[in-house]
C-alpha atoms as a PDB file:
ATOM      1  CA  UNK A   1     -54.536 -71.793   3.465  1.00  0.00           C
ATOM      2  CA  UNK A   2     -52.273 -70.340   5.174  1.00  0.00           C
ATOM      3  CA  UNK A   3     -50.518 -67.127   3.984  1.00  0.00           C
ATOM      4  CA  UNK A   4     -48.466 -65.629   6.586  1.00  0.00           C
ATOM      5  CA  UNK A   5     -44.872 -68.123   6.817  1.00  0.00           C
ATOM      6  CA  UNK A   6     -42.885 -67.847   9.815  1.00  0.00           C
ATOM      7  CA  UNK A   7     -39.602 -65.664   8.951  1.00  0.00           C
ATOM      8  CA  UNK A   8     -36.771 -64.488  11.414  1.00  0.00           C
ATOM      9  CA  UNK A   9     -36.772 -61.552   8.655  1.00  0.00           C
ATOM     10  CA  UNK A  10     -39.527 -58.878   9.985  1.00  0.00           C
ATOM     11  CA  UNK A  11     -41.681 -57.046   7.425  1.00  0.00           C
ATOM     12  CA  UNK A  12     -43.475 -60.090   6.037  1.00  0.00           C
ATOM     13  CA  UNK A  13     -47.374 -57.847   5.387  1.00  0.00           C
ATOM     14  CA  UNK A  14     -45.553 -54.218   4.399  1.00  0.00           C
ATOM     15  CA  UNK A  15     -43.377 -56.164   1.256  1.00  0.00           C
ATOM     16  CA  UNK A  16     -46.185 -58.703   0.856  1.00  0.00           C
ATOM     17  CA  UNK A  17     -48.574 -55.328   0.406  1.00  0.00           C
ATOM     18  CA  UNK A  18     -45.732 -53.373  -1.509  1.00  0.00           C
ATOM     19  CA  UNK A  19     -45.313 -56.412  -4.153  1.00  0.00           C
ATOM     20  CA  UNK A  20     -48.798 -56.819  -4.462  1.00  0.00           C
ATOM     21  CA  UNK A  21     -49.360 -53.132  -5.368  1.00  0.00           C
ATOM     22  CA  UNK A  22     -46.626 -52.791  -7.446  1.00  0.00           C
ATOM     23  CA  UNK A  23     -47.730 -55.728 -10.005  1.00  0.00           C
ATOM     24  CA  UNK A  24     -51.147 -54.208  -9.887  1.00  0.00           C
ATOM     25  CA  UNK A  25     -49.890 -51.121 -10.857  1.00  0.00           C
ATOM     26  CA  UNK A  26     -47.542 -51.995 -13.565  1.00  0.00           C
ATOM     27  CA  UNK A  27     -49.131 -55.611 -15.152  1.00  0.00           C
ATOM     28  CA  UNK A  28     -52.968 -56.167 -13.909  1.00  0.00           C
ATOM     29  CA  UNK A  29     -54.135 -52.319 -14.201  1.00  0.00           C
ATOM     30  CA  UNK A  30     -52.644 -52.207 -18.028  1.00  0.00           C
ATOM     31  CA  UNK A  31     -53.800 -55.515 -18.855  1.00  0.00           C
ATOM     32  CA  UNK A  32     -57.399 -54.737 -17.322  1.00  0.00           C
ATOM     33  CA  UNK A  33     -57.580 -51.126 -19.316  1.00  0.00           C
ATOM     34  CA  UNK A  34     -56.904 -53.921 -22.210  1.00  0.00           C
ATOM     35  CA  UNK A  35     -59.416 -55.651 -22.042  1.00  0.00           C
ATOM     36  CA  UNK A  36     -61.779 -53.133 -20.951  1.00  0.00           C
ATOM     37  CA  UNK A  37     -61.318 -51.017 -23.945  1.00  0.00           C
ATOM     38  CA  UNK A  38     -62.388 -54.512 -25.754  1.00  0.00           C
ATOM     39  CA  UNK A  39     -65.491 -54.636 -24.263  1.00  0.00           C
ATOM     40  CA  UNK A  40     -67.066 -52.008 -25.942  1.00  0.00           C
ATOM     41  CA  UNK A  41     -66.625 -54.110 -29.054  1.00  0.00           C
ATOM     42  CA  UNK A  42     -69.924 -56.658 -29.666  1.00  0.00           C
ATOM     43  CA  UNK A  43     -69.155 -60.591 -30.143  1.00  0.00           C
ATOM     44  CA  UNK A  44     -69.413 -59.927 -33.846  1.00  0.00           C
ATOM     45  CA  UNK A  45     -67.219 -57.501 -34.286  1.00  0.00           C
ATOM     46  CA  UNK A  46     -64.550 -58.816 -32.670  1.00  0.00           C
ATOM     47  CA  UNK A  47     -64.561 -62.201 -34.318  1.00  0.00           C
ATOM     48  CA  UNK A  48     -64.627 -60.435 -37.775  1.00  0.00           C
ATOM     49  CA  UNK A  49     -61.519 -58.364 -36.383  1.00  0.00           C
ATOM     50  CA  UNK A  50     -59.596 -60.913 -35.097  1.00  0.00           C
ATOM     51  CA  UNK A  51     -60.460 -64.036 -37.707  1.00  0.00           C
ATOM     52  CA  UNK A  52     -59.896 -61.793 -40.410  1.00  0.00           C
ATOM     53  CA  UNK A  53     -57.342 -63.418 -42.693  1.00  0.00           C
ATOM     54  CA  UNK A  54     -54.266 -60.942 -43.068  1.00  0.00           C
ATOM     55  CA  UNK A  55     -54.766 -61.057 -39.177  1.00  0.00           C
ATOM     56  CA  UNK A  56     -54.856 -64.805 -38.734  1.00  0.00           C
ATOM     57  CA  UNK A  57     -51.586 -64.882 -40.876  1.00  0.00           C
ATOM     58  CA  UNK A  58     -50.101 -62.558 -38.970  1.00  0.00           C
ATOM     59  CA  UNK A  59     -50.423 -64.952 -35.941  1.00  0.00           C
ATOM     60  CA  UNK A  60     -48.955 -67.734 -37.918  1.00  0.00           C
ATOM     61  CA  UNK A  61     -45.690 -65.905 -38.720  1.00  0.00           C
ATOM     62  CA  UNK A  62     -45.365 -64.196 -35.221  1.00  0.00           C
ATOM     63  CA  UNK A  63     -45.924 -67.816 -32.948  1.00  0.00           C
ATOM     64  CA  UNK A  64     -44.324 -69.794 -35.489  1.00  0.00           C
ATOM     65  CA  UNK A  65     -41.200 -67.693 -36.002  1.00  0.00           C
ATOM     66  CA  UNK A  66     -41.245 -66.988 -32.309  1.00  0.00           C
ATOM     67  CA  UNK A  67     -41.350 -70.601 -30.936  1.00  0.00           C
ATOM     68  CA  UNK A  68     -38.602 -71.444 -33.913  1.00  0.00           C
ATOM     69  CA  UNK A  69     -36.399 -68.596 -32.772  1.00  0.00           C
ATOM     70  CA  UNK A  70     -36.973 -70.380 -28.777  1.00  0.00           C
ATOM     71  CA  UNK A  71     -36.297 -73.906 -29.559  1.00  0.00           C
ATOM     72  CA  UNK A  72     -33.015 -72.953 -31.919  1.00  0.00           C
ATOM     73  CA  UNK A  73     -31.535 -71.179 -28.799  1.00  0.00           C
ATOM     74  CA  UNK A  74     -32.454 -74.047 -26.850  1.00  0.00           C
ATOM     75  CA  UNK A  75     -29.775 -75.775 -27.973  1.00  0.00           C
ATOM     76  CA  UNK A  76     -27.211 -73.087 -28.990  1.00  0.00           C
ATOM     77  CA  UNK A  77     -28.019 -70.908 -25.598  1.00  0.00           C
ATOM     78  CA  UNK A  78     -27.088 -74.891 -23.586  1.00  0.00           C
ATOM     79  CA  UNK A  79     -23.832 -75.330 -25.917  1.00  0.00           C
ATOM     80  CA  UNK A  80     -22.524 -71.582 -25.386  1.00  0.00           C
ATOM     81  CA  UNK A  81     -23.629 -71.922 -22.252  1.00  0.00           C
ATOM     82  CA  UNK A  82     -21.830 -75.285 -21.210  1.00  0.00           C
ATOM     83  CA  UNK A  83     -18.457 -73.606 -23.523  1.00  0.00           C
ATOM     84  CA  UNK A  84     -18.696 -70.722 -20.784  1.00  0.00           C
ATOM     85  CA  UNK A  85     -18.834 -72.746 -17.877  1.00  0.00           C
ATOM     86  CA  UNK A  86     -16.742 -76.016 -18.127  1.00  0.00           C
ATOM     87  CA  UNK A  87     -13.951 -74.984 -20.676  1.00  0.00           C
ATOM     88  CA  UNK A  88     -11.135 -72.400 -20.196  1.00  0.00           C
ATOM     89  CA  UNK A  89     -10.243 -70.160 -23.576  1.00  0.00           C
ATOM     90  CA  UNK A  90      -8.379 -66.739 -24.498  1.00  0.00           C
ATOM     91  CA  UNK A  91     -10.993 -64.601 -25.048  1.00  0.00           C
ATOM     92  CA  UNK A  92     -13.423 -66.347 -22.371  1.00  0.00           C
ATOM     93  CA  UNK A  93     -14.554 -63.041 -20.197  1.00  0.00           C
ATOM     94  CA  UNK A  94     -14.682 -60.949 -24.101  1.00  0.00           C
ATOM     95  CA  UNK A  95     -17.121 -64.018 -25.541  1.00  0.00           C
ATOM     96  CA  UNK A  96     -18.909 -64.171 -21.962  1.00  0.00           C
ATOM     97  CA  UNK A  97     -19.676 -60.406 -22.292  1.00  0.00           C
ATOM     98  CA  UNK A  98     -21.267 -60.441 -25.515  1.00  0.00           C
ATOM     99  CA  UNK A  99     -24.206 -62.793 -24.834  1.00  0.00           C
ATOM    100  CA  UNK A 100     -25.387 -59.894 -23.569  1.00  0.00           C
ATOM    101  CA  UNK A 101     -25.264 -57.560 -26.220  1.00  0.00           C
ATOM    102  CA  UNK A 102     -28.672 -58.040 -27.659  1.00  0.00           C
ATOM    103  CA  UNK A 103     -29.847 -56.953 -24.161  1.00  0.00           C
ATOM    104  CA  UNK A 104     -27.929 -53.736 -24.556  1.00  0.00           C
ATOM    105  CA  UNK A 105     -28.368 -52.815 -28.063  1.00  0.00           C
ATOM    106  CA  UNK A 106     -31.893 -50.828 -28.919  1.00  0.00           C
ATOM    107  CA  UNK A 107     -33.631 -53.135 -31.224  1.00  0.00           C
ATOM    108  CA  UNK A 108     -34.147 -50.910 -33.918  1.00  0.00           C
ATOM    109  CA  UNK A 109     -30.307 -51.113 -34.426  1.00  0.00           C
ATOM    110  CA  UNK A 110     -29.860 -54.619 -34.494  1.00  0.00           C
ATOM    111  CA  UNK A 111     -32.374 -55.016 -37.122  1.00  0.00           C
ATOM    112  CA  UNK A 112     -31.159 -52.533 -39.223  1.00  0.00           C
ATOM    113  CA  UNK A 113     -27.653 -54.206 -38.623  1.00  0.00           C
ATOM    114  CA  UNK A 114     -29.409 -58.042 -39.478  1.00  0.00           C
ATOM    115  CA  UNK A 115     -30.780 -56.304 -42.769  1.00  0.00           C
ATOM    116  CA  UNK A 116     -27.510 -54.348 -43.847  1.00  0.00           C
ATOM    117  CA  UNK A 117     -25.843 -57.758 -43.828  1.00  0.00           C
ATOM    118  CA  UNK A 118     -28.205 -59.955 -44.848  1.00  0.00           C
ATOM    119  CA  UNK A 119     -30.170 -57.984 -47.479  1.00  0.00           C
ATOM    120  CA  UNK A 120     -29.774 -59.183 -51.442  1.00  0.00           C
ATOM    121  CA  UNK A 121     -26.479 -57.642 -51.236  1.00  0.00           C
ATOM    122  CA  UNK A 122     -25.137 -57.549 -48.041  1.00  0.00           C
ATOM    123  CA  UNK A 123     -21.878 -59.143 -46.927  1.00  0.00           C
ATOM    124  CA  UNK A 124     -23.795 -62.235 -46.188  1.00  0.00           C
ATOM    125  CA  UNK A 125     -26.444 -62.499 -48.434  1.00  0.00           C
ATOM    126  CA  UNK A 126     -25.360 -61.776 -51.212  1.00  0.00           C
ATOM    127  CA  UNK A 127     -23.177 -65.144 -51.622  1.00  0.00           C
ATOM    128  CA  UNK A 128     -25.665 -67.071 -49.633  1.00  0.00           C
ATOM    129  CA  UNK A 129     -28.959 -65.515 -51.983  1.00  0.00           C
ATOM    130  CA  UNK A 130     -26.135 -67.134 -54.818  1.00  0.00           C
ATOM    131  CA  UNK A 131     -26.792 -70.615 -53.040  1.00  0.00           C
ATOM    132  CA  UNK A 132     -30.309 -69.870 -53.424  1.00  0.00           C
ATOM    133  CA  UNK A 133     -30.756 -68.830 -49.888  1.00  0.00           C
ATOM    134  CA  UNK A 134     -32.869 -65.217 -49.380  1.00  0.00           C
ATOM    135  CA  UNK A 135     -33.177 -64.615 -45.415  1.00  0.00           C
ATOM    136  CA  UNK A 136     -33.678 -60.965 -45.473  1.00  0.00           C
ATOM    137  CA  UNK A 137     -37.565 -59.858 -46.213  1.00  0.00           C
ATOM    138  CA  UNK A 138     -38.500 -62.890 -45.524  1.00  0.00           C
ATOM    139  CA  UNK A 139     -40.089 -65.249 -42.869  1.00  0.00           C
ATOM    140  CA  UNK A 140     -36.387 -66.190 -42.274  1.00  0.00           C
ATOM    141  CA  UNK A 141     -35.162 -63.299 -41.456  1.00  0.00           C
ATOM    142  CA  UNK A 142     -37.583 -63.223 -38.843  1.00  0.00           C
ATOM    143  CA  UNK A 143     -36.191 -66.141 -37.713  1.00  0.00           C
ATOM    144  CA  UNK A 144     -32.788 -64.757 -37.532  1.00  0.00           C
ATOM    145  CA  UNK A 145     -33.636 -61.657 -35.677  1.00  0.00           C
ATOM    146  CA  UNK A 146     -35.945 -63.130 -32.921  1.00  0.00           C
ATOM    147  CA  UNK A 147     -33.002 -65.985 -32.143  1.00  0.00           C
ATOM    148  CA  UNK A 148     -30.416 -62.589 -31.875  1.00  0.00           C
ATOM    149  CA  UNK A 149     -33.187 -61.108 -29.614  1.00  0.00           C
ATOM    150  CA  UNK A 150     -33.731 -64.064 -27.654  1.00  0.00           C
ATOM    151  CA  UNK A 151     -30.331 -65.365 -27.017  1.00  0.00           C
ATOM    152  CA  UNK A 152     -29.357 -64.342 -23.572  1.00  0.00           C
ATOM    153  CA  UNK A 153     -32.387 -65.989 -21.991  1.00  0.00           C
ATOM    154  CA  UNK A 154     -31.411 -69.271 -22.233  1.00  0.00           C
ATOM    155  CA  UNK A 155     -27.801 -68.829 -21.348  1.00  0.00           C
ATOM    156  CA  UNK A 156     -28.051 -66.972 -18.243  1.00  0.00           C
ATOM    157  CA  UNK A 157     -30.703 -68.852 -17.353  1.00  0.00           C
ATOM    158  CA  UNK A 158     -28.929 -71.852 -17.732  1.00  0.00           C
ATOM    159  CA  UNK A 159     -25.032 -70.664 -16.822  1.00  0.00           C
ATOM    160  CA  UNK A 160     -25.645 -69.946 -13.087  1.00  0.00           C
ATOM    161  CA  UNK A 161     -27.275 -73.804 -12.790  1.00  0.00           C
ATOM    162  CA  UNK A 162     -24.754 -75.282 -14.784  1.00  0.00           C
ATOM    163  CA  UNK A 163     -21.457 -73.197 -12.339  1.00  0.00           C
ATOM    164  CA  UNK A 164     -23.279 -75.007  -9.077  1.00  0.00           C
ATOM    165  CA  UNK A 165     -23.427 -78.600 -10.012  1.00  0.00           C
ATOM    166  CA  UNK A 166     -21.231 -80.838  -8.657  1.00  0.00           C
ATOM    167  CA  UNK A 167     -18.666 -82.692 -10.928  1.00  0.00           C
ATOM    168  CA  UNK A 168     -18.084 -85.190  -8.825  1.00  0.00           C
ATOM    169  CA  UNK A 169     -21.653 -86.817 -10.148  1.00  0.00           C
ATOM    170  CA  UNK A 170     -20.242 -86.997 -13.205  1.00  0.00           C
ATOM    171  CA  UNK A 171     -17.139 -88.119 -11.991  1.00  0.00           C
ATOM    172  CA  UNK A 172     -19.369 -90.877  -9.952  1.00  0.00           C
ATOM    173  CA  UNK A 173     -21.232 -91.890 -12.406  1.00  0.00           C
ATOM    174  CA  UNK A 174     -18.321 -91.953 -15.213  1.00  0.00           C
ATOM    175  CA  UNK A 175     -16.530 -94.496 -12.395  1.00  0.00           C
ATOM    176  CA  UNK A 176     -19.599 -96.996 -12.391  1.00  0.00           C
ATOM    177  CA  UNK A 177     -19.245 -97.230 -15.831  1.00  0.00           C
ATOM    178  CA  UNK A 178     -21.779 -94.516 -17.286  1.00  0.00           C
ATOM    179  CA  UNK A 179     -21.365 -93.513 -21.156  1.00  0.00           C
ATOM    180  CA  UNK A 180     -21.164 -89.748 -21.831  1.00  0.00           C
ATOM    181  CA  UNK A 181     -24.794 -89.833 -23.193  1.00  0.00           C
ATOM    182  CA  UNK A 182     -25.805 -91.518 -20.008  1.00  0.00           C
ATOM    183  CA  UNK A 183     -24.339 -89.123 -17.822  1.00  0.00           C
ATOM    184  CA  UNK A 184     -25.322 -86.190 -20.195  1.00  0.00           C
ATOM    185  CA  UNK A 185     -28.723 -88.222 -20.157  1.00  0.00           C
ATOM    186  CA  UNK A 186     -28.981 -89.132 -16.794  1.00  0.00           C
ATOM    187  CA  UNK A 187     -27.169 -86.660 -14.543  1.00  0.00           C
ATOM    188  CA  UNK A 188     -26.622 -83.339 -16.152  1.00  0.00           C
ATOM    189  CA  UNK A 189     -29.990 -83.120 -18.252  1.00  0.00           C
ATOM    190  CA  UNK A 190     -32.449 -83.583 -15.162  1.00  0.00           C
ATOM    191  CA  UNK A 191     -30.401 -80.958 -13.317  1.00  0.00           C
ATOM    192  CA  UNK A 192     -30.487 -78.251 -15.881  1.00  0.00           C
ATOM    193  CA  UNK A 193     -33.563 -79.427 -17.271  1.00  0.00           C
ATOM    194  CA  UNK A 194     -35.887 -76.761 -15.270  1.00  0.00           C
ATOM    195  CA  UNK A 195     -33.771 -73.855 -16.029  1.00  0.00           C
ATOM    196  CA  UNK A 196     -33.555 -74.792 -19.928  1.00  0.00           C
ATOM    197  CA  UNK A 197     -37.504 -74.291 -19.620  1.00  0.00           C
ATOM    198  CA  UNK A 198     -37.440 -71.316 -18.040  1.00  0.00           C
ATOM    199  CA  UNK A 199     -34.926 -69.798 -20.569  1.00  0.00           C
ATOM    200  CA  UNK A 200     -36.843 -71.257 -23.142  1.00  0.00           C
ATOM    201  CA  UNK A 201     -40.339 -69.788 -21.902  1.00  0.00           C
ATOM    202  CA  UNK A 202     -38.100 -66.264 -21.288  1.00  0.00           C
ATOM    203  CA  UNK A 203     -37.162 -66.383 -24.765  1.00  0.00           C
ATOM    204  CA  UNK A 204     -40.520 -67.588 -26.347  1.00  0.00           C
ATOM    205  CA  UNK A 205     -42.415 -64.516 -24.603  1.00  0.00           C
ATOM    206  CA  UNK A 206     -39.528 -62.343 -25.355  1.00  0.00           C
ATOM    207  CA  UNK A 207     -39.731 -62.900 -29.381  1.00  0.00           C
ATOM    208  CA  UNK A 208     -44.005 -62.750 -29.364  1.00  0.00           C
ATOM    209  CA  UNK A 209     -43.782 -58.445 -28.389  1.00  0.00           C
ATOM    210  CA  UNK A 210     -40.789 -58.027 -30.266  1.00  0.00           C
ATOM    211  CA  UNK A 211     -41.166 -55.039 -32.882  1.00  0.00           C
ATOM    212  CA  UNK A 212     -38.448 -53.125 -33.644  1.00  0.00           C
ATOM    213  CA  UNK A 213     -35.708 -55.424 -35.085  1.00  0.00           C
ATOM    214  CA  UNK A 214     -38.087 -57.673 -37.011  1.00  0.00           C
ATOM    215  CA  UNK A 215     -39.557 -54.559 -38.775  1.00  0.00           C
ATOM    216  CA  UNK A 216     -36.471 -54.034 -40.602  1.00  0.00           C
ATOM    217  CA  UNK A 217     -35.469 -57.552 -42.099  1.00  0.00           C
ATOM    218  CA  UNK A 218     -38.895 -59.053 -42.392  1.00  0.00           C
ATOM    219  CA  UNK A 219     -40.381 -57.152 -45.201  1.00  0.00           C
ATOM    220  CA  UNK A 220     -43.714 -56.836 -43.889  1.00  0.00           C
ATOM    221  CA  UNK A 221     -45.648 -58.379 -46.390  1.00  0.00           C
ATOM    222  CA  UNK A 222     -48.869 -59.382 -45.553  1.00  0.00           C
ATOM    223  CA  UNK A 223     -49.861 -62.953 -45.359  1.00  0.00           C
ATOM    224  CA  UNK A 224     -46.071 -63.978 -45.702  1.00  0.00           C
ATOM    225  CA  UNK A 225     -43.589 -61.655 -43.213  1.00  0.00           C
ATOM    226  CA  UNK A 226     -46.363 -59.668 -41.524  1.00  0.00           C
ATOM    227  CA  UNK A 227     -46.024 -59.579 -37.641  1.00  0.00           C
ATOM    228  CA  UNK A 228     -48.944 -59.080 -35.249  1.00  0.00           C
ATOM    229  CA  UNK A 229     -47.268 -56.067 -33.784  1.00  0.00           C
ATOM    230  CA  UNK A 230     -46.626 -54.618 -37.047  1.00  0.00           C
ATOM    231  CA  UNK A 231     -50.569 -55.249 -37.274  1.00  0.00           C
ATOM    232  CA  UNK A 232     -51.726 -53.557 -34.413  1.00  0.00           C
ATOM    233  CA  UNK A 233     -49.309 -50.266 -34.783  1.00  0.00           C
ATOM    234  CA  UNK A 234     -51.046 -50.114 -38.148  1.00  0.00           C
ATOM    235  CA  UNK A 235     -54.563 -49.949 -36.950  1.00  0.00           C
ATOM    236  CA  UNK A 236     -53.510 -47.556 -34.079  1.00  0.00           C
ATOM    237  CA  UNK A 237     -51.933 -45.186 -36.884  1.00  0.00           C
ATOM    238  CA  UNK A 238     -55.411 -46.037 -38.929  1.00  0.00           C
ATOM    239  CA  UNK A 239     -57.238 -44.758 -34.974  1.00  0.00           C
ATOM    240  CA  UNK A 240     -58.871 -48.023 -35.224  1.00  0.00           C
ATOM    241  CA  UNK A 241     -58.199 -48.510 -31.351  1.00  0.00           C
ATOM    242  CA  UNK A 242     -60.908 -50.692 -30.572  1.00  0.00           C
ATOM    243  CA  UNK A 243     -59.394 -53.070 -33.939  1.00  0.00           C
ATOM    244  CA  UNK A 244     -56.154 -52.859 -32.168  1.00  0.00           C
ATOM    245  CA  UNK A 245     -56.973 -53.689 -28.761  1.00  0.00           C
ATOM    246  CA  UNK A 246     -59.200 -56.612 -29.967  1.00  0.00           C
ATOM    247  CA  UNK A 247     -56.085 -58.219 -31.586  1.00  0.00           C
ATOM    248  CA  UNK A 248     -53.952 -57.639 -28.526  1.00  0.00           C
ATOM    249  CA  UNK A 249     -56.362 -59.058 -26.072  1.00  0.00           C
ATOM    250  CA  UNK A 250     -56.107 -62.617 -28.657  1.00  0.00           C
ATOM    251  CA  UNK A 251     -52.299 -62.202 -28.644  1.00  0.00           C
ATOM    252  CA  UNK A 252     -52.688 -61.660 -24.472  1.00  0.00           C
ATOM    253  CA  UNK A 253     -55.154 -64.814 -24.591  1.00  0.00           C
ATOM    254  CA  UNK A 254     -52.904 -66.882 -26.593  1.00  0.00           C
ATOM    255  CA  UNK A 255     -49.535 -65.842 -24.462  1.00  0.00           C
ATOM    256  CA  UNK A 256     -50.832 -66.776 -21.376  1.00  0.00           C
ATOM    257  CA  UNK A 257     -52.256 -69.624 -22.656  1.00  0.00           C
ATOM    258  CA  UNK A 258     -49.005 -71.297 -23.816  1.00  0.00           C
ATOM    259  CA  UNK A 259     -46.986 -69.389 -20.742  1.00  0.00           C
ATOM    260  CA  UNK A 260     -49.447 -71.251 -18.638  1.00  0.00           C
ATOM    261  CA  UNK A 261     -48.973 -74.675 -20.098  1.00  0.00           C
ATOM    262  CA  UNK A 262     -44.933 -74.327 -20.234  1.00  0.00           C
ATOM    263  CA  UNK A 263     -45.138 -73.422 -16.902  1.00  0.00           C
ATOM    264  CA  UNK A 264     -46.929 -76.439 -16.162  1.00  0.00           C
ATOM    265  CA  UNK A 265     -44.749 -78.714 -17.330  1.00  0.00           C
ATOM    266  CA  UNK A 266     -41.821 -76.666 -15.696  1.00  0.00           C
ATOM    267  CA  UNK A 267     -43.896 -77.567 -12.377  1.00  0.00           C
ATOM    268  CA  UNK A 268     -44.565 -81.032 -12.901  1.00  0.00           C
ATOM    269  CA  UNK A 269     -41.689 -81.482 -14.099  1.00  0.00           C
ATOM    270  CA  UNK A 270     -39.249 -80.499 -10.612  1.00  0.00           C
ATOM    271  CA  UNK A 271     -42.753 -82.258  -8.705  1.00  0.00           C
ATOM    272  CA  UNK A 272     -41.134 -85.569 -10.835  1.00  0.00           C
ATOM    273  CA  UNK A 273     -37.448 -85.144 -10.221  1.00  0.00           C
ATOM    274  CA  UNK A 274     -38.473 -84.498  -6.139  1.00  0.00           C
ATOM    275  CA  UNK A 275     -37.291 -80.855  -5.732  1.00  0.00           C
ATOM    276  CA  UNK A 276     -41.231 -79.507  -5.153  1.00  0.00           C
ATOM    277  CA  UNK A 277     -43.729 -81.681  -2.728  1.00  0.00           C
END
């Protein structure tokens, strides 16, 4: 395999070395320390910790809510990006800036704001509860918090691709008699799909590790609305460091497998569309 690529710019070896060193220090070393700490457990003890019914319930809540939130943002994020790119309207810049608010807002502040808004006596929570919809202190509240936090990932990933799309392709398809659905499914969607999938992946990955915004609105009830990061914190507060690292390793393994699967799908789609050899 040939690693060195010919380029008009010098410094390939130096830049590659710094990149690998940086990634090793920031990403690989902490992960290696986590796995190394877990190796202090024998298999029976490790399995007993990670398969405890209360811990398994947190996996289901965390990964289920993260998947639902990422799917919601897959569609809503595309819609918002489409509106921001294709339509001029008053206050467009303000709406565009508003999309980045979850990036700038401390997650704990977001959690308190959502809990206050959707609590049983909140501005929105009270009328919704009269309709039989309870959001705060339920798994639905977790999905809401994760949807809020991860919205910018899809919008900001798809938006540049939509801006760079050539409208002539859509006009050509329209002049050839294609319907609006055919233009979307045959022209627009194949172009934006890799970016859409990347946004979904980023949103899903971010949601799995989210803690600050969720604990205030989740209620943190065992077997119902308790998330895995909270379980890890609880273990640490009890000085059960090996238990915390064991659960963290399971989260790491499942997250890595899911991200690998999604990236593989993204690579397959790019290859199918002829964008990768």
